[in-house]
Amino acid sequence: MGKRQAAHRVSFHLAFGDIPEGLYICHHCDNKLCVRPDHLFLGTQKDNMQDWTVKGKNRLANDRSLWNMGRHWENNDAARLKLSELRKQEFSTGKRIIIRGCDGRIMGTRMVK
């Protein structure tokens, strides 16, 4: 190896051999300090993120309200205009109502049957 390495990478190398260039050592146990070879697997960054998401650890993917704090469409003018026109129409016809919290702040909206 010849250079400074993280302990989990050294553990994987000793147990399974060389680590191919560009691959990560990921943890099944999600404990980044763990060095048990049976808890480690080879993968890309995408594999690591998908594993993390499937386990429910990725709040951004698993809790849609956290997507850019509700601003995921903010920089798209066409989408914002279309959404705003649709919302205006729904409010005027009574198909959508505003949900307010205890303090009177708007918490969201919902469709009415």
PDB file of N, CA and C in Angstrom:
ATOM      1  N   MET A   1       0.837  -1.177   0.000  1.00  0.00           N
ATOM      2  CA  MET A   1       0.000   0.000   0.000  1.00  0.00           C
ATOM      3  C   MET A   1       0.887   1.247   0.000  1.00  0.00           C
ATOM      4  N   GLY A   2       1.829   1.366   0.932  1.00  0.00           N
ATOM      5  CA  GLY A   2       2.832   2.419   0.883  1.00  0.00           C
ATOM      6  C   GLY A   2       2.389   3.816   1.270  1.00  0.00           C
ATOM      7  N   LYS A   3       1.137   4.021   1.579  1.00  0.00           N
ATOM      8  CA  LYS A   3       0.685   5.346   2.000  1.00  0.00           C
ATOM      9  C   LYS A   3      -0.293   5.209   3.152  1.00  0.00           C
ATOM     10  N   ARG A   4      -0.569   6.306   3.785  1.00  0.00           N
ATOM     11  CA  ARG A   4      -1.486   6.310   4.923  1.00  0.00           C
ATOM     12  C   ARG A   4      -2.883   5.899   4.449  1.00  0.00           C
ATOM     13  N   GLN A   5      -3.494   4.967   5.183  1.00  0.00           N
ATOM     14  CA  GLN A   5      -4.819   4.458   4.823  1.00  0.00           C
ATOM     15  C   GLN A   5      -5.715   4.441   6.055  1.00  0.00           C
ATOM     16  N   ALA A   6      -7.011   4.522   5.816  1.00  0.00           N
ATOM     17  CA  ALA A   6      -7.973   4.383   6.901  1.00  0.00           C
ATOM     18  C   ALA A   6      -7.953   2.926   7.372  1.00  0.00           C
ATOM     19  N   ALA A   7      -8.246   2.712   8.642  1.00  0.00           N
ATOM     20  CA  ALA A   7      -8.166   1.379   9.244  1.00  0.00           C
ATOM     21  C   ALA A   7      -9.085   0.375   8.554  1.00  0.00           C
ATOM     22  N   HIS A   8     -10.282   0.803   8.156  1.00  0.00           N
ATOM     23  CA  HIS A   8     -11.197  -0.142   7.513  1.00  0.00           C
ATOM     24  C   HIS A   8     -10.680  -0.566   6.139  1.00  0.00           C
ATOM     25  N   ARG A   9      -9.954   0.304   5.461  1.00  0.00           N
ATOM     26  CA  ARG A   9      -9.358  -0.062   4.165  1.00  0.00           C
ATOM     27  C   ARG A   9      -8.224  -1.075   4.362  1.00  0.00           C
ATOM     28  N   VAL A  10      -7.418  -0.867   5.396  1.00  0.00           N
ATOM     29  CA  VAL A  10      -6.328  -1.811   5.702  1.00  0.00           C
ATOM     30  C   VAL A  10      -6.914  -3.168   6.066  1.00  0.00           C
ATOM     31  N   SER A  11      -7.951  -3.180   6.876  1.00  0.00           N
ATOM     32  CA  SER A  11      -8.607  -4.423   7.276  1.00  0.00           C
ATOM     33  C   SER A  11      -9.122  -5.181   6.062  1.00  0.00           C
ATOM     34  N   PHE A  12      -9.775  -4.460   5.163  1.00  0.00           N
ATOM     35  CA  PHE A  12     -10.300  -5.096   3.951  1.00  0.00           C
ATOM     36  C   PHE A  12      -9.154  -5.652   3.098  1.00  0.00           C
ATOM     37  N   HIS A  13      -8.087  -4.876   2.957  1.00  0.00           N
ATOM     38  CA  HIS A  13      -6.931  -5.305   2.168  1.00  0.00           C
ATOM     39  C   HIS A  13      -6.297  -6.576   2.743  1.00  0.00           C
ATOM     40  N   LEU A  14      -6.149  -6.635   4.053  1.00  0.00           N
ATOM     41  CA  LEU A  14      -5.555  -7.814   4.682  1.00  0.00           C
ATOM     42  C   LEU A  14      -6.445  -9.051   4.526  1.00  0.00           C
ATOM     43  N   ALA A  15      -7.760  -8.854   4.551  1.00  0.00           N
ATOM     44  CA  ALA A  15      -8.686  -9.987   4.471  1.00  0.00           C
ATOM     45  C   ALA A  15      -8.941 -10.449   3.044  1.00  0.00           C
ATOM     46  N   PHE A  16      -9.030  -9.510   2.104  1.00  0.00           N
ATOM     47  CA  PHE A  16      -9.486  -9.873   0.752  1.00  0.00           C
ATOM     48  C   PHE A  16      -8.515  -9.528  -0.366  1.00  0.00           C
ATOM     49  N   GLY A  17      -7.461  -8.788  -0.071  1.00  0.00           N
ATOM     50  CA  GLY A  17      -6.507  -8.433  -1.123  1.00  0.00           C
ATOM     51  C   GLY A  17      -6.664  -6.980  -1.548  1.00  0.00           C
ATOM     52  N   ASP A  18      -6.061  -6.689  -2.708  1.00  0.00           N
ATOM     53  CA  ASP A  18      -6.029  -5.306  -3.194  1.00  0.00           C
ATOM     54  C   ASP A  18      -7.424  -4.733  -3.429  1.00  0.00           C
ATOM     55  N   ILE A  19      -7.514  -3.440  -3.228  1.00  0.00           N
ATOM     56  CA  ILE A  19      -8.752  -2.699  -3.460  1.00  0.00           C
ATOM     57  C   ILE A  19      -8.629  -2.041  -4.835  1.00  0.00           C
ATOM     58  N   PRO A  20      -9.516  -2.368  -5.757  1.00  0.00           N
ATOM     59  CA  PRO A  20      -9.435  -1.765  -7.090  1.00  0.00           C
ATOM     60  C   PRO A  20      -9.537  -0.237  -7.039  1.00  0.00           C
ATOM     61  N   GLU A  21      -8.831   0.411  -7.940  1.00  0.00           N
ATOM     62  CA  GLU A  21      -8.817   1.877  -8.020  1.00  0.00           C
ATOM     63  C   GLU A  21     -10.233   2.413  -8.225  1.00  0.00           C
ATOM     64  N   GLY A  22     -10.577   3.451  -7.476  1.00  0.00           N
ATOM     65  CA  GLY A  22     -11.872   4.112  -7.635  1.00  0.00           C
ATOM     66  C   GLY A  22     -13.011   3.497  -6.843  1.00  0.00           C
ATOM     67  N   LEU A  23     -12.768   2.390  -6.138  1.00  0.00           N
ATOM     68  CA  LEU A  23     -13.828   1.783  -5.339  1.00  0.00           C
ATOM     69  C   LEU A  23     -13.650   2.149  -3.869  1.00  0.00           C
ATOM     70  N   TYR A  24     -14.763   2.173  -3.184  1.00  0.00           N
ATOM     71  CA  TYR A  24     -14.794   2.502  -1.761  1.00  0.00           C
ATOM     72  C   TYR A  24     -14.953   1.226  -0.949  1.00  0.00           C
ATOM     73  N   ILE A  25     -14.604   1.306   0.321  1.00  0.00           N
ATOM     74  CA  ILE A  25     -14.916   0.244   1.266  1.00  0.00           C
ATOM     75  C   ILE A  25     -16.111   0.748   2.063  1.00  0.00           C
ATOM     76  N   CYS A  26     -17.224   0.069   1.913  1.00  0.00           N
ATOM     77  CA  CYS A  26     -18.472   0.475   2.556  1.00  0.00           C
ATOM     78  C   CYS A  26     -18.746  -0.447   3.739  1.00  0.00           C
ATOM     79  N   HIS A  27     -19.575   0.002   4.647  1.00  0.00           N
ATOM     80  CA  HIS A  27     -19.886  -0.738   5.873  1.00  0.00           C
ATOM     81  C   HIS A  27     -21.332  -1.234   5.860  1.00  0.00           C
ATOM     82  N   HIS A  28     -21.518  -2.534   6.004  1.00  0.00           N
ATOM     83  CA  HIS A  28     -22.872  -3.075   6.179  1.00  0.00           C
ATOM     84  C   HIS A  28     -23.469  -2.574   7.492  1.00  0.00           C
ATOM     85  N   CYS A  29     -22.626  -2.391   8.503  1.00  0.00           N
ATOM     86  CA  CYS A  29     -23.083  -2.024   9.848  1.00  0.00           C
ATOM     87  C   CYS A  29     -23.250  -0.515  10.019  1.00  0.00           C
ATOM     88  N   ASP A  30     -22.835   0.269   9.043  1.00  0.00           N
ATOM     89  CA  ASP A  30     -22.930   1.730   9.092  1.00  0.00           C
ATOM     90  C   ASP A  30     -22.160   2.362  10.246  1.00  0.00           C
ATOM     91  N   ASN A  31     -21.167   1.643  10.772  1.00  0.00           N
ATOM     92  CA  ASN A  31     -20.296   2.188  11.813  1.00  0.00           C
ATOM     93  C   ASN A  31     -18.955   2.473  11.158  1.00  0.00           C
ATOM     94  N   LYS A  32     -18.666   3.746  10.900  1.00  0.00           N
ATOM     95  CA  LYS A  32     -17.465   4.085  10.142  1.00  0.00           C
ATOM     96  C   LYS A  32     -16.168   3.728  10.859  1.00  0.00           C
ATOM     97  N   LEU A  33     -16.231   3.424  12.151  1.00  0.00           N
ATOM     98  CA  LEU A  33     -15.035   3.011  12.888  1.00  0.00           C
ATOM     99  C   LEU A  33     -14.827   1.495  12.869  1.00  0.00           C
ATOM    100  N   CYS A  34     -15.806   0.746  12.372  1.00  0.00           N
ATOM    101  CA  CYS A  34     -15.734  -0.713  12.357  1.00  0.00           C
ATOM    102  C   CYS A  34     -14.667  -1.196  11.372  1.00  0.00           C
ATOM    103  N   VAL A  35     -13.890  -2.198  11.790  1.00  0.00           N
ATOM    104  CA  VAL A  35     -12.851  -2.761  10.919  1.00  0.00           C
ATOM    105  C   VAL A  35     -13.053  -4.261  10.699  1.00  0.00           C
ATOM    106  N   ARG A  36     -14.185  -4.805  11.114  1.00  0.00           N
ATOM    107  CA  ARG A  36     -14.447  -6.236  10.918  1.00  0.00           C
ATOM    108  C   ARG A  36     -14.640  -6.521   9.435  1.00  0.00           C
ATOM    109  N   PRO A  37     -13.825  -7.405   8.858  1.00  0.00           N
ATOM    110  CA  PRO A  37     -13.922  -7.679   7.413  1.00  0.00           C
ATOM    111  C   PRO A  37     -15.300  -8.164   6.976  1.00  0.00           C
ATOM    112  N   ASP A  38     -16.017  -8.889   7.849  1.00  0.00           N
ATOM    113  CA  ASP A  38     -17.340  -9.370   7.458  1.00  0.00           C
ATOM    114  C   ASP A  38     -18.386  -8.246   7.466  1.00  0.00           C
ATOM    115  N   HIS A  39     -18.028  -7.073   7.943  1.00  0.00           N
ATOM    116  CA  HIS A  39     -18.935  -5.921   7.922  1.00  0.00           C
ATOM    117  C   HIS A  39     -18.629  -4.984   6.758  1.00  0.00           C
ATOM    118  N   LEU A  40     -17.609  -5.294   5.984  1.00  0.00           N
ATOM    119  CA  LEU A  40     -17.143  -4.408   4.916  1.00  0.00           C
ATOM    120  C   LEU A  40     -17.456  -4.993   3.543  1.00  0.00           C
ATOM    121  N   PHE A  41     -17.695  -4.104   2.571  1.00  0.00           N
ATOM    122  CA  PHE A  41     -17.874  -4.556   1.187  1.00  0.00           C
ATOM    123  C   PHE A  41     -17.350  -3.491   0.235  1.00  0.00           C
ATOM    124  N   LEU A  42     -16.986  -3.937  -0.956  1.00  0.00           N
ATOM    125  CA  LEU A  42     -16.511  -3.034  -2.002  1.00  0.00           C
ATOM    126  C   LEU A  42     -17.693  -2.415  -2.704  1.00  0.00           C
ATOM    127  N   GLY A  43     -17.596  -1.150  -3.048  1.00  0.00           N
ATOM    128  CA  GLY A  43     -18.661  -0.516  -3.803  1.00  0.00           C
ATOM    129  C   GLY A  43     -18.263   0.863  -4.283  1.00  0.00           C
ATOM    130  N   THR A  44     -19.079   1.389  -5.169  1.00  0.00           N
ATOM    131  CA  THR A  44     -18.885   2.752  -5.646  1.00  0.00           C
ATOM    132  C   THR A  44     -19.563   3.704  -4.672  1.00  0.00           C
ATOM    133  N   GLN A  45     -19.380   4.985  -4.887  1.00  0.00           N
ATOM    134  CA  GLN A  45     -20.068   5.965  -4.048  1.00  0.00           C
ATOM    135  C   GLN A  45     -21.584   5.791  -4.206  1.00  0.00           C
ATOM    136  N   LYS A  46     -22.020   5.492  -5.428  1.00  0.00           N
ATOM    137  CA  LYS A  46     -23.457   5.288  -5.676  1.00  0.00           C
ATOM    138  C   LYS A  46     -23.975   4.089  -4.876  1.00  0.00           C
ATOM    139  N   ASP A  47     -23.217   2.988  -4.866  1.00  0.00           N
ATOM    140  CA  ASP A  47     -23.606   1.811  -4.077  1.00  0.00           C
ATOM    141  C   ASP A  47     -23.743   2.174  -2.598  1.00  0.00           C
ATOM    142  N   ASN A  48     -22.791   2.944  -2.113  1.00  0.00           N
ATOM    143  CA  ASN A  48     -22.784   3.338  -0.707  1.00  0.00           C
ATOM    144  C   ASN A  48     -24.009   4.194  -0.384  1.00  0.00           C
ATOM    145  N   MET A  49     -24.337   5.138  -1.252  1.00  0.00           N
ATOM    146  CA  MET A  49     -25.484   6.018  -1.017  1.00  0.00           C
ATOM    147  C   MET A  49     -26.796   5.234  -1.120  1.00  0.00           C
ATOM    148  N   GLN A  50     -26.875   4.282  -2.077  1.00  0.00           N
ATOM    149  CA  GLN A  50     -28.090   3.479  -2.200  1.00  0.00           C
ATOM    150  C   GLN A  50     -28.282   2.593  -0.977  1.00  0.00           C
ATOM    151  N   ASP A  51     -27.202   2.002  -0.474  1.00  0.00           N
ATOM    152  CA  ASP A  51     -27.263   1.179   0.732  1.00  0.00           C
ATOM    153  C   ASP A  51     -27.749   2.020   1.911  1.00  0.00           C
ATOM    154  N   TRP A  52     -27.228   3.207   2.022  1.00  0.00           N
ATOM    155  CA  TRP A  52     -27.575   4.140   3.084  1.00  0.00           C
ATOM    156  C   TRP A  52     -29.056   4.517   3.006  1.00  0.00           C
ATOM    157  N   THR A  53     -29.535   4.762   1.791  1.00  0.00           N
ATOM    158  CA  THR A  53     -30.926   5.160   1.588  1.00  0.00           C
ATOM    159  C   THR A  53     -31.879   4.015   1.891  1.00  0.00           C
ATOM    160  N   VAL A  54     -31.555   2.811   1.415  1.00  0.00           N
ATOM    161  CA  VAL A  54     -32.406   1.641   1.650  1.00  0.00           C
ATOM    162  C   VAL A  54     -32.567   1.380   3.142  1.00  0.00           C
ATOM    163  N   LYS A  55     -31.519   1.627   3.909  1.00  0.00           N
ATOM    164  CA  LYS A  55     -31.569   1.402   5.359  1.00  0.00           C
ATOM    165  C   LYS A  55     -32.313   2.522   6.096  1.00  0.00           C
ATOM    166  N   GLY A  56     -32.758   3.546   5.364  1.00  0.00           N
ATOM    167  CA  GLY A  56     -33.503   4.631   5.984  1.00  0.00           C
ATOM    168  C   GLY A  56     -32.634   5.665   6.669  1.00  0.00           C
ATOM    169  N   LYS A  57     -31.342   5.664   6.387  1.00  0.00           N
ATOM    170  CA  LYS A  57     -30.421   6.597   7.044  1.00  0.00           C
ATOM    171  C   LYS A  57     -30.338   7.936   6.314  1.00  0.00           C
ATOM    172  N   ASN A  58     -30.764   7.971   5.064  1.00  0.00           N
ATOM    173  CA  ASN A  58     -30.671   9.179   4.253  1.00  0.00           C
ATOM    174  C   ASN A  58     -31.944   9.998   4.427  1.00  0.00           C
ATOM    175  N   ARG A  59     -31.921  10.945   5.347  1.00  0.00           N
ATOM    176  CA  ARG A  59     -33.123  11.736   5.639  1.00  0.00           C
ATOM    177  C   ARG A  59     -33.567  12.550   4.430  1.00  0.00           C
ATOM    178  N   LEU A  60     -32.617  13.003   3.611  1.00  0.00           N
ATOM    179  CA  LEU A  60     -32.978  13.817   2.467  1.00  0.00           C
ATOM    180  C   LEU A  60     -33.818  13.035   1.464  1.00  0.00           C
ATOM    181  N   ALA A  61     -33.483  11.771   1.252  1.00  0.00           N
ATOM    182  CA  ALA A  61     -34.243  10.952   0.306  1.00  0.00           C
ATOM    183  C   ALA A  61     -35.488  10.358   0.947  1.00  0.00           C
ATOM    184  N   ASN A  62     -35.413  10.009   2.211  1.00  0.00           N
ATOM    185  CA  ASN A  62     -36.527   9.325   2.863  1.00  0.00           C
ATOM    186  C   ASN A  62     -37.574  10.269   3.443  1.00  0.00           C
ATOM    187  N   ASP A  63     -37.223  11.514   3.663  1.00  0.00           N
ATOM    188  CA  ASP A  63     -38.180  12.495   4.174  1.00  0.00           C
ATOM    189  C   ASP A  63     -38.272  13.596   3.128  1.00  0.00           C
ATOM    190  N   ARG A  64     -39.241  13.466   2.238  1.00  0.00           N
ATOM    191  CA  ARG A  64     -39.333  14.366   1.098  1.00  0.00           C
ATOM    192  C   ARG A  64     -39.489  15.835   1.500  1.00  0.00           C
ATOM    193  N   SER A  65     -39.930  16.128   2.711  1.00  0.00           N
ATOM    194  CA  SER A  65     -40.077  17.523   3.127  1.00  0.00           C
ATOM    195  C   SER A  65     -38.717  18.200   3.276  1.00  0.00           C
ATOM    196  N   LEU A  66     -37.641  17.412   3.330  1.00  0.00           N
ATOM    197  CA  LEU A  66     -36.309  17.986   3.487  1.00  0.00           C
ATOM    198  C   LEU A  66     -35.630  18.295   2.157  1.00  0.00           C
ATOM    199  N   TRP A  67     -36.263  17.986   1.036  1.00  0.00           N
ATOM    200  CA  TRP A  67     -35.636  18.255  -0.259  1.00  0.00           C
ATOM    201  C   TRP A  67     -35.438  19.751  -0.391  1.00  0.00           C
ATOM    202  N   ASN A  68     -34.225  20.190  -0.192  1.00  0.00           N
ATOM    203  CA  ASN A  68     -33.887  21.608  -0.248  1.00  0.00           C
ATOM    204  C   ASN A  68     -34.867  22.440   0.560  1.00  0.00           C
ATOM    205  N   MET A  69     -35.329  21.871   1.666  1.00  0.00           N
ATOM    206  CA  MET A  69     -36.292  22.537   2.541  1.00  0.00           C
ATOM    207  C   MET A  69     -37.512  23.017   1.752  1.00  0.00           C
ATOM    208  N   GLY A  70     -37.975  22.180   0.811  1.00  0.00           N
ATOM    209  CA  GLY A  70     -39.167  22.499   0.034  1.00  0.00           C
ATOM    210  C   GLY A  70     -38.923  23.412  -1.146  1.00  0.00           C
ATOM    211  N   ARG A  71     -37.650  23.656  -1.492  1.00  0.00           N
ATOM    212  CA  ARG A  71     -37.349  24.580  -2.577  1.00  0.00           C
ATOM    213  C   ARG A  71     -36.749  23.862  -3.788  1.00  0.00           C
ATOM    214  N   HIS A  72     -37.049  22.585  -3.984  1.00  0.00           N
ATOM    215  CA  HIS A  72     -36.410  21.832  -5.056  1.00  0.00           C
ATOM    216  C   HIS A  72     -36.821  22.314  -6.443  1.00  0.00           C
ATOM    217  N   TRP A  73     -37.892  23.045  -6.567  1.00  0.00           N
ATOM    218  CA  TRP A  73     -38.318  23.564  -7.865  1.00  0.00           C
ATOM    219  C   TRP A  73     -38.103  25.062  -7.967  1.00  0.00           C
ATOM    220  N   GLU A  74     -37.488  25.689  -6.963  1.00  0.00           N
ATOM    221  CA  GLU A  74     -37.412  27.137  -6.850  1.00  0.00           C
ATOM    222  C   GLU A  74     -36.719  27.819  -8.037  1.00  0.00           C
ATOM    223  N   ASN A  75     -35.679  27.216  -8.592  1.00  0.00           N
ATOM    224  CA  ASN A  75     -34.929  27.861  -9.670  1.00  0.00           C
ATOM    225  C   ASN A  75     -35.505  27.581 -11.055  1.00  0.00           C
ATOM    226  N   ASN A  76     -36.621  26.876 -11.108  1.00  0.00           N
ATOM    227  CA  ASN A  76     -37.235  26.565 -12.390  1.00  0.00           C
ATOM    228  C   ASN A  76     -38.465  27.456 -12.554  1.00  0.00           C
ATOM    229  N   ASP A  77     -38.295  28.569 -13.290  1.00  0.00           N
ATOM    230  CA  ASP A  77     -39.369  29.560 -13.422  1.00  0.00           C
ATOM    231  C   ASP A  77     -40.628  28.971 -14.048  1.00  0.00           C
ATOM    232  N   ALA A  78     -40.468  28.145 -15.083  1.00  0.00           N
ATOM    233  CA  ALA A  78     -41.639  27.575 -15.760  1.00  0.00           C
ATOM    234  C   ALA A  78     -42.438  26.691 -14.801  1.00  0.00           C
ATOM    235  N   ALA A  79     -41.749  25.871 -14.027  1.00  0.00           N
ATOM    236  CA  ALA A  79     -42.426  24.987 -13.075  1.00  0.00           C
ATOM    237  C   ALA A  79     -43.110  25.800 -11.988  1.00  0.00           C
ATOM    238  N   ARG A  80     -42.434  26.863 -11.532  1.00  0.00           N
ATOM    239  CA  ARG A  80     -43.004  27.688 -10.473  1.00  0.00           C
ATOM    240  C   ARG A  80     -44.265  28.395 -10.961  1.00  0.00           C
ATOM    241  N   LEU A  81     -44.241  28.933 -12.189  1.00  0.00           N
ATOM    242  CA  LEU A  81     -45.418  29.610 -12.732  1.00  0.00           C
ATOM    243  C   LEU A  81     -46.571  28.641 -12.931  1.00  0.00           C
ATOM    244  N   LYS A  82     -46.245  27.459 -13.472  1.00  0.00           N
ATOM    245  CA  LYS A  82     -47.279  26.452 -13.702  1.00  0.00           C
ATOM    246  C   LYS A  82     -47.907  26.031 -12.373  1.00  0.00           C
ATOM    247  N   LEU A  83     -47.062  25.809 -11.374  1.00  0.00           N
ATOM    248  CA  LEU A  83     -47.547  25.411 -10.055  1.00  0.00           C
ATOM    249  C   LEU A  83     -48.397  26.519  -9.443  1.00  0.00           C
ATOM    250  N   SER A  84     -47.936  27.756  -9.558  1.00  0.00           N
ATOM    251  CA  SER A  84     -48.670  28.860  -8.963  1.00  0.00           C
ATOM    252  C   SER A  84     -50.032  29.033  -9.641  1.00  0.00           C
ATOM    253  N   GLU A  85     -50.114  28.897 -10.951  1.00  0.00           N
ATOM    254  CA  GLU A  85     -51.399  29.010 -11.658  1.00  0.00           C
ATOM    255  C   GLU A  85     -52.339  27.881 -11.253  1.00  0.00           C
ATOM    256  N   LEU A  86     -51.784  26.676 -11.138  1.00  0.00           N
ATOM    257  CA  LEU A  86     -52.587  25.524 -10.732  1.00  0.00           C
ATOM    258  C   LEU A  86     -53.125  25.721  -9.319  1.00  0.00           C
ATOM    259  N   ARG A  87     -52.278  26.195  -8.404  1.00  0.00           N
ATOM    260  CA  ARG A  87     -52.700  26.425  -7.029  1.00  0.00           C
ATOM    261  C   ARG A  87     -53.802  27.487  -6.957  1.00  0.00           C
ATOM    262  N   LYS A  88     -53.625  28.590  -7.696  1.00  0.00           N
ATOM    263  CA  LYS A  88     -54.641  29.652  -7.713  1.00  0.00           C
ATOM    264  C   LYS A  88     -55.989  29.096  -8.168  1.00  0.00           C
ATOM    265  N   GLN A  89     -55.960  28.274  -9.204  1.00  0.00           N
ATOM    266  CA  GLN A  89     -57.202  27.685  -9.724  1.00  0.00           C
ATOM    267  C   GLN A  89     -57.835  26.761  -8.676  1.00  0.00           C
ATOM    268  N   GLU A  90     -57.014  25.950  -8.024  1.00  0.00           N
ATOM    269  CA  GLU A  90     -57.533  25.028  -7.012  1.00  0.00           C
ATOM    270  C   GLU A  90     -58.119  25.778  -5.815  1.00  0.00           C
ATOM    271  N   PHE A  91     -57.465  26.854  -5.373  1.00  0.00           N
ATOM    272  CA  PHE A  91     -57.989  27.628  -4.254  1.00  0.00           C
ATOM    273  C   PHE A  91     -59.303  28.315  -4.643  1.00  0.00           C
ATOM    274  N   SER A  92     -59.375  28.850  -5.872  1.00  0.00           N
ATOM    275  CA  SER A  92     -60.584  29.573  -6.286  1.00  0.00           C
ATOM    276  C   SER A  92     -61.781  28.645  -6.454  1.00  0.00           C
ATOM    277  N   THR A  93     -61.548  27.391  -6.808  1.00  0.00           N
ATOM    278  CA  THR A  93     -62.660  26.449  -6.977  1.00  0.00           C
ATOM    279  C   THR A  93     -62.964  25.694  -5.690  1.00  0.00           C
ATOM    280  N   GLY A  94     -62.147  25.889  -4.653  1.00  0.00           N
ATOM    281  CA  GLY A  94     -62.384  25.219  -3.383  1.00  0.00           C
ATOM    282  C   GLY A  94     -61.875  23.793  -3.341  1.00  0.00           C
ATOM    283  N   LYS A  95     -61.051  23.407  -4.315  1.00  0.00           N
ATOM    284  CA  LYS A  95     -60.507  22.044  -4.334  1.00  0.00           C
ATOM    285  C   LYS A  95     -59.307  21.888  -3.399  1.00  0.00           C
ATOM    286  N   ARG A  96     -58.703  22.991  -3.019  1.00  0.00           N
ATOM    287  CA  ARG A  96     -57.519  22.948  -2.160  1.00  0.00           C
ATOM    288  C   ARG A  96     -57.729  23.910  -1.002  1.00  0.00           C
ATOM    289  N   ILE A  97     -57.327  23.495   0.197  1.00  0.00           N
ATOM    290  CA  ILE A  97     -57.444  24.363   1.369  1.00  0.00           C
ATOM    291  C   ILE A  97     -56.075  24.520   2.025  1.00  0.00           C
ATOM    292  N   ILE A  98     -55.953  25.561   2.811  1.00  0.00           N
ATOM    293  CA  ILE A  98     -54.711  25.842   3.544  1.00  0.00           C
ATOM    294  C   ILE A  98     -54.789  25.198   4.918  1.00  0.00           C
ATOM    295  N   ILE A  99     -53.697  24.564   5.324  1.00  0.00           N
ATOM    296  CA  ILE A  99     -53.607  23.973   6.665  1.00  0.00           C
ATOM    297  C   ILE A  99     -52.731  24.902   7.503  1.00  0.00           C
ATOM    298  N   ARG A 100     -53.285  25.354   8.627  1.00  0.00           N
ATOM    299  CA  ARG A 100     -52.539  26.258   9.504  1.00  0.00           C
ATOM    300  C   ARG A 100     -52.186  25.560  10.810  1.00  0.00           C
ATOM    301  N   GLY A 101     -51.023  25.896  11.363  1.00  0.00           N
ATOM    302  CA  GLY A 101     -50.602  25.353  12.642  1.00  0.00           C
ATOM    303  C   GLY A 101     -51.285  26.081  13.792  1.00  0.00           C
ATOM    304  N   CYS A 102     -50.980  25.689  15.023  1.00  0.00           N
ATOM    305  CA  CYS A 102     -51.573  26.289  16.224  1.00  0.00           C
ATOM    306  C   CYS A 102     -51.310  27.787  16.301  1.00  0.00           C
ATOM    307  N   ASP A 103     -50.141  28.222  15.815  1.00  0.00           N
ATOM    308  CA  ASP A 103     -49.789  29.637  15.885  1.00  0.00           C
ATOM    309  C   ASP A 103     -50.308  30.437  14.699  1.00  0.00           C
ATOM    310  N   GLY A 104     -51.074  29.797  13.798  1.00  0.00           N
ATOM    311  CA  GLY A 104     -51.653  30.489  12.649  1.00  0.00           C
ATOM    312  C   GLY A 104     -50.786  30.472  11.411  1.00  0.00           C
ATOM    313  N   ARG A 105     -49.552  29.973  11.531  1.00  0.00           N
ATOM    314  CA  ARG A 105     -48.670  29.908  10.357  1.00  0.00           C
ATOM    315  C   ARG A 105     -49.156  28.845   9.396  1.00  0.00           C
ATOM    316  N   ILE A 106     -48.957  29.082   8.104  1.00  0.00           N
ATOM    317  CA  ILE A 106     -49.351  28.108   7.094  1.00  0.00           C
ATOM    318  C   ILE A 106     -48.376  26.937   7.129  1.00  0.00           C
ATOM    319  N   MET A 107     -48.894  25.734   7.359  1.00  0.00           N
ATOM    320  CA  MET A 107     -48.076  24.528   7.431  1.00  0.00           C
ATOM    321  C   MET A 107     -48.063  23.791   6.092  1.00  0.00           C
ATOM    322  N   GLY A 108     -49.056  24.024   5.266  1.00  0.00           N
ATOM    323  CA  GLY A 108     -49.137  23.360   3.975  1.00  0.00           C
ATOM    324  C   GLY A 108     -50.531  23.484   3.419  1.00  0.00           C
ATOM    325  N   THR A 109     -50.797  22.698   2.386  1.00  0.00           N
ATOM    326  CA  THR A 109     -52.111  22.695   1.757  1.00  0.00           C
ATOM    327  C   THR A 109     -52.511  21.261   1.504  1.00  0.00           C
ATOM    328  N   ARG A 110     -53.807  21.062   1.245  1.00  0.00           N
ATOM    329  CA  ARG A 110     -54.236  19.722   0.855  1.00  0.00           C
ATOM    330  C   ARG A 110     -55.470  19.825  -0.025  1.00  0.00           C
ATOM    331  N   MET A 111     -55.663  18.802  -0.812  1.00  0.00           N
ATOM    332  CA  MET A 111     -56.805  18.744  -1.702  1.00  0.00           C
ATOM    333  C   MET A 111     -58.035  18.303  -0.901  1.00  0.00           C
ATOM    334  N   VAL A 112     -59.193  18.816  -1.297  1.00  0.00           N
ATOM    335  CA  VAL A 112     -60.460  18.469  -0.665  1.00  0.00           C
ATOM    336  C   VAL A 112     -61.254  17.620  -1.645  1.00  0.00           C
ATOM    337  N   LYS A 113     -61.916  16.593  -1.129  1.00  0.00           N
ATOM    338  CA  LYS A 113     -62.712  15.717  -2.011  1.00  0.00           C
ATOM    339  C   LYS A 113     -63.967  16.386  -2.462  1.00  0.00           C
TER     340      LYS A 113
END
